[in-house]
C-alpha cells in the first residue's frame, strides 16, 4: 500500500494531526493557495487533505510506527535498519549502508536505552 503524509482540511481549517493517506483513496489532487503558498490538496470521498510538508509533523507521524524512534526534536531514526550501531556514550547512531550518523539529544538517551531493551526482549 502506498501512502502520503497529510493533514485533514475542512474549509479553511487545516488540522495539525498528521496521518498517512492511502493513495487509492485519492479522487484528485489540486494546487491551492494556503497561507500565501501553493500546496497540494487531495480530494477523497472522506473530504480534503493537505500534503504534509512540516518536518515536525512528519517526524511525529513516523514516530508512531514501531521501527522509528524520536531522537531529537524533528528527528526520528529507523532502528530496524540493517547494520545500525548505537553509541550511547557519544549519543550517536551509526548507519553503515549508506554511511550516515545521527546525533541523539541528551534528553532522549534514557528513553532510547529503554526502547532498545524492549526491542531486544
Protein backbone atom coordinates (compact mmCIF):
# COMPACT_ATOMS: atom_id res chain seq x y z
CA UNK A 1 0.00 0.00 0.00
CA UNK A 2 1.41 3.40 -0.99
CA UNK A 3 0.61 6.36 1.22
CA UNK A 4 1.35 10.07 1.53
CA UNK A 5 1.65 12.09 4.75
CA UNK A 6 -1.27 14.51 5.07
CA UNK A 7 -3.28 16.67 7.45
CA UNK A 8 -7.07 16.98 7.32
CA UNK A 9 -8.61 20.13 5.79
CA UNK A 10 -12.18 21.32 6.40
CA UNK A 11 -12.90 24.54 4.54
CA UNK A 12 -10.20 27.00 5.64
CA UNK A 13 -9.33 24.97 8.75
CA UNK A 14 -6.20 22.81 8.50
CA UNK A 15 -5.66 20.44 11.41
CA UNK A 16 -2.22 19.69 12.84
CA UNK A 17 -2.65 15.95 13.35
CA UNK A 18 -0.69 14.10 10.68
CA UNK A 19 -1.81 10.81 9.18
CA UNK A 20 -1.00 8.56 6.25
CA UNK A 21 -3.47 8.67 3.35
CA UNK A 22 -3.74 5.60 1.13
CA UNK A 23 -3.22 6.89 -2.43
CA UNK A 24 -6.04 4.62 -3.67
CA UNK A 25 -8.47 6.88 -1.77
CA UNK A 26 -7.46 9.99 -3.74
CA UNK A 27 -10.07 11.14 -6.25
CA UNK A 28 -7.95 14.05 -7.48
CA UNK A 29 -5.10 16.33 -6.49
CA UNK A 30 -5.16 20.10 -6.94
CA UNK A 31 -2.93 23.06 -6.13
CA UNK A 32 -4.46 25.51 -3.67
CA UNK A 33 -3.02 28.72 -2.25
CA UNK A 34 -2.83 28.31 1.52
CA UNK A 35 -1.18 30.94 3.73
CA UNK A 36 0.50 32.54 0.73
CA UNK A 37 1.96 29.40 -0.81
CA UNK A 38 0.62 26.76 -3.18
CA UNK A 39 0.07 23.38 -1.50
CA UNK A 40 -1.13 20.03 -2.84
CA UNK A 41 -4.68 19.25 -1.75
CA UNK A 42 -6.03 15.71 -2.15
CA UNK A 43 -9.78 15.21 -2.56
CA UNK A 44 -11.23 11.94 -1.26
CA UNK A 45 -14.71 10.62 -0.54
CA UNK A 46 -13.96 11.40 3.14
CA UNK A 47 -13.01 15.04 2.47
CA UNK A 48 -9.89 17.05 1.67
CA UNK A 49 -6.32 16.57 2.89
CA UNK A 50 -3.25 18.77 2.50
CA UNK A 51 0.13 17.23 1.77
CA UNK A 52 2.11 17.44 4.99
CA UNK A 53 5.35 19.38 4.49
CA UNK A 54 6.14 20.17 8.13
CA UNK A 55 9.22 18.23 9.24
CA UNK A 56 7.99 18.20 12.86
CA UNK A 57 4.62 16.72 11.85
CA UNK A 58 6.22 14.13 9.57
CA UNK A 59 8.61 13.17 12.39
CA UNK A 60 5.61 12.84 14.75
CA UNK A 61 3.85 10.62 12.23
CA UNK A 62 6.88 8.38 11.66
CA UNK A 63 7.46 8.10 15.42
CA UNK A 64 4.05 6.42 15.67
CA UNK A 65 5.43 3.49 13.66
CA UNK A 66 7.13 0.81 15.75
CA UNK A 67 10.50 0.89 13.99
CA UNK A 68 11.00 4.64 14.35
CA UNK A 69 12.20 6.43 17.46
CA UNK A 70 12.31 10.21 18.09
CA UNK A 71 15.93 11.04 18.88
CA UNK A 72 15.54 14.82 18.93
CA UNK A 73 13.01 17.48 18.07
CA UNK A 74 12.01 16.90 14.43
CA UNK A 75 14.37 13.92 14.05
CA UNK A 76 13.34 10.27 14.03
CA UNK A 77 15.57 7.30 13.37
CA UNK A 78 14.63 3.90 11.96
CA UNK A 79 16.24 1.49 14.40
CA UNK A 80 15.19 -1.62 12.48
CA UNK A 81 17.58 -0.95 9.58
CA UNK A 82 20.35 -3.46 8.90
CA UNK A 83 23.78 -2.51 10.20
CA UNK A 84 22.87 0.02 12.90
CA UNK A 85 25.16 0.77 15.83
CA UNK A 86 24.15 2.96 18.77
CA UNK A 87 26.88 4.63 20.82
CA UNK A 88 25.07 5.73 23.98
CA UNK A 89 28.15 7.40 25.47
CA UNK A 90 28.77 9.59 22.39
CA UNK A 91 25.00 9.92 21.77
CA UNK A 92 25.28 8.83 18.12
CA UNK A 93 23.50 6.35 15.87
CA UNK A 94 25.64 4.95 13.06
CA UNK A 95 24.19 3.56 9.84
CA UNK A 96 26.65 1.69 7.67
CA UNK A 97 24.65 1.30 4.46
CA UNK A 98 24.76 4.09 3.46
CA UNK A 99 27.19 5.67 5.89
CA UNK A 100 25.23 8.13 7.99
CA UNK A 101 25.45 9.40 11.57
CA UNK A 102 22.51 10.77 13.56
CA UNK A 103 23.09 12.64 16.84
CA UNK A 104 20.80 11.84 19.77
CA UNK A 105 19.64 14.57 22.17
CA UNK A 106 20.91 14.08 25.73
CA UNK A 107 17.33 14.28 26.95
CA UNK A 108 16.38 11.26 24.76
CA UNK A 109 19.20 8.85 25.73
CA UNK A 110 17.36 7.23 28.67
CA UNK A 111 14.22 6.67 26.56
CA UNK A 112 16.34 5.31 23.69
CA UNK A 113 18.02 2.79 26.02
CA UNK A 114 14.60 1.66 27.29
CA UNK A 115 13.29 1.38 23.71
CA UNK A 116 16.27 -0.74 22.62
CA UNK A 117 15.85 -3.01 25.68
CA UNK A 118 12.19 -3.57 24.72
CA UNK A 119 13.24 -4.42 21.15
CA UNK A 120 15.77 -6.98 22.35
CA UNK A 121 13.33 -8.72 24.74
